[in-house]
Protein backbone atom coordinates (compact mmCIF):
# COMPACT_ATOMS: atom_id res chain seq x y z
CA UNK A 1 0.01 -0.14 0.08
CA UNK A 2 1.31 3.50 -1.14
CA UNK A 3 0.81 4.95 2.35
CA UNK A 4 2.27 2.46 4.48
CA UNK A 5 6.08 2.71 2.46
CA UNK A 6 8.87 3.88 4.77
CA UNK A 7 10.92 6.73 3.73
CA UNK A 8 14.03 6.54 2.30
CA UNK A 9 16.88 6.77 4.38
CA UNK A 10 18.06 10.01 2.17
CA UNK A 11 14.39 11.20 3.31
CA UNK A 12 15.87 10.99 7.42
CA UNK A 13 18.97 12.41 6.79
CA UNK A 14 17.76 15.59 5.08
CA UNK A 15 15.15 16.17 7.48
CA UNK A 16 17.89 15.61 10.61
CA UNK A 17 19.89 18.24 8.51
CA UNK A 18 23.03 15.48 7.74
CA UNK A 19 22.93 16.52 3.79
CA UNK A 20 22.46 19.19 1.46
CA UNK A 21 23.85 22.79 2.53
CA UNK A 22 25.58 24.08 5.46
CA UNK A 23 24.89 27.45 6.99
CA UNK A 24 27.62 30.10 6.30
CA UNK A 25 28.79 32.58 8.92
CA UNK A 26 30.43 35.95 8.02
CA UNK A 27 33.42 36.92 10.39
CA UNK A 28 35.18 40.49 10.90
CA UNK A 29 38.27 41.59 12.69
CA UNK A 30 38.17 41.47 16.31
CA UNK A 31 41.54 42.50 17.14
CA UNK A 32 44.58 40.68 18.10
CA UNK A 33 43.92 37.91 15.93
CA UNK A 34 40.06 37.00 16.93
CA UNK A 35 37.20 37.20 14.72
CA UNK A 36 33.42 38.24 15.22
CA UNK A 37 31.54 35.66 14.24
CA UNK A 38 28.28 36.58 12.83
CA UNK A 39 25.05 35.24 14.60
CA UNK A 40 22.97 34.81 11.88
CA UNK A 41 24.16 32.83 8.53
CA UNK A 42 24.78 34.85 5.43
CA UNK A 43 23.75 32.50 3.50
CA UNK A 44 24.82 28.49 2.73
CA UNK A 45 27.73 26.80 1.29
CA UNK A 46 27.94 23.20 -0.33
CA UNK A 47 28.50 20.63 2.42
CA UNK A 48 32.01 18.83 1.63
CA UNK A 49 32.19 15.31 1.39
CA UNK A 50 34.09 15.38 5.25
CA UNK A 51 30.85 17.02 6.35
CA UNK A 52 28.35 14.42 4.76
CA UNK A 53 25.98 13.00 7.69
CA UNK A 54 27.64 15.49 10.21
CA UNK A 55 25.06 16.91 12.34
CA UNK A 56 25.60 20.71 13.20
CA UNK A 57 28.42 21.32 10.79
CA UNK A 58 28.79 24.78 9.30
CA UNK A 59 31.08 27.21 7.18
CA UNK A 60 33.00 30.18 8.19
CA UNK A 61 33.64 32.83 5.48
CA UNK A 62 37.39 33.60 7.01
CA UNK A 63 39.14 36.96 7.34
CA UNK A 64 42.17 37.85 8.71
CA UNK A 65 45.70 36.73 7.92
CA UNK A 66 47.01 35.12 11.19
CA UNK A 67 46.97 31.57 9.94
CA UNK A 68 48.16 32.23 6.35
CA UNK A 69 49.20 30.37 4.31
CA UNK A 70 47.08 27.38 5.77
CA UNK A 71 43.89 29.70 5.56
CA UNK A 72 43.72 32.96 3.73
CA UNK A 73 41.56 35.53 3.69
CA UNK A 74 38.56 35.19 1.73
CA UNK A 75 38.64 31.00 2.46
CA UNK A 76 35.30 29.12 3.38
CA UNK A 77 36.16 26.88 6.55
CA UNK A 78 34.30 24.00 6.97
CA UNK A 79 33.86 23.08 10.61
CA UNK A 80 33.16 19.69 12.22
CA UNK A 81 32.05 20.26 15.83
CA UNK A 82 31.51 16.62 16.32
CA UNK A 83 34.84 15.52 15.68
CA UNK A 84 37.45 14.99 18.72
CA UNK A 85 40.18 17.59 18.59
CA UNK A 86 43.50 16.34 17.84
CA UNK A 87 47.29 17.70 18.45
CA UNK A 88 47.96 19.64 15.42
CA UNK A 89 44.75 19.94 13.91
CA UNK A 90 43.47 23.81 13.08
CA UNK A 91 40.34 24.79 15.28
CA UNK A 92 37.96 27.57 15.79
CA UNK A 93 38.16 28.92 19.41
CA UNK A 94 35.02 30.42 20.46
CA UNK A 95 35.08 32.63 23.57
CA UNK A 96 32.60 31.59 26.23
CA UNK A 97 32.56 34.80 28.46
CA UNK A 98 32.09 37.39 26.01
CA UNK A 99 28.47 39.03 25.32
CA UNK A 100 29.48 39.15 21.22
CA UNK A 101 30.42 36.00 19.53
CA UNK A 102 34.44 35.91 19.29
CA UNK A 103 36.15 33.27 18.02
CA UNK A 104 40.13 32.97 16.94
CA UNK A 105 41.35 30.14 14.13
CA UNK A 106 44.15 28.79 15.58
CA UNK A 107 46.37 25.54 15.17
CA UNK A 108 45.88 23.38 18.18
CA UNK A 109 49.30 22.10 19.80
CA UNK A 110 48.37 20.61 23.31
CA UNK A 111 46.56 21.40 26.48
CA UNK A 112 46.98 21.68 30.28
CA UNK A 113 44.09 21.20 32.55
CA UNK A 114 43.80 25.32 32.41
CA UNK A 115 44.71 26.51 28.86
CA UNK A 116 45.03 25.42 25.41
CA UNK A 117 48.64 25.67 23.94
CA UNK A 118 47.84 27.15 20.10
CA UNK A 119 50.18 28.32 17.16
CA UNK A 120 49.09 31.21 14.41
CA UNK A 121 51.50 31.50 11.43
CA UNK A 122 51.47 35.48 10.70
CA UNK A 123 52.93 36.59 12.92
CA UNK A 124 54.71 33.31 14.02
CA UNK A 125 54.12 32.40 17.27
CA UNK A 126 52.66 30.41 19.92
CA UNK A 127 50.84 31.30 23.34
CA UNK A 128 48.13 30.10 25.51
CA UNK A 129 44.29 30.41 25.55
CA UNK A 130 42.43 30.27 28.86
CA UNK A 131 40.08 27.32 28.67
CA UNK A 132 37.69 28.97 30.92
CA UNK A 133 37.70 31.83 28.35
CA UNK A 134 37.96 29.86 25.23
CA UNK A 135 35.90 27.31 26.31
CA UNK A 136 34.81 25.96 23.12
CA UNK A 137 36.63 24.45 19.95
CA UNK A 138 35.41 22.85 16.92
CA UNK A 139 37.73 21.11 14.64
CA UNK A 140 38.39 22.74 10.95
CA UNK A 141 38.07 19.70 8.67
CA UNK A 142 38.51 21.29 5.07
CA UNK A 143 37.89 24.63 3.27
CA UNK A 144 37.22 26.16 -0.22
CA UNK A 145 39.75 28.57 -1.74
CA UNK A 146 38.68 32.23 -2.03
């Protein structure tokens, strides 16, 4: 009977937001290598293979040069918030104590109980971020070139 037919898996994946486009957020320079991320998406970006089937995946349109040449201004960064963060992977770190949505894109090197040890490329430097202040980190899995 037609009405009893079960929807295809793709239907459920689409309903759960696991396929199709991902939300694209704009960023603006936030001083000292930080970004201000817009609260509402400015559009969508085609979901790359590494985000297929990933719930809550998203993209950021990057400004700033602190991570060049790995990530250049105008690149679109694709983020999987569900992957574990590994040493020597580049992440988006979110400030959990700021009223505005502040973020930093940095290479995660290591951590202690209180700090993330990170790296940027331009200017080349390593430094620590307070885990209390920068409490959320999401792994970047791919990019589209500008």
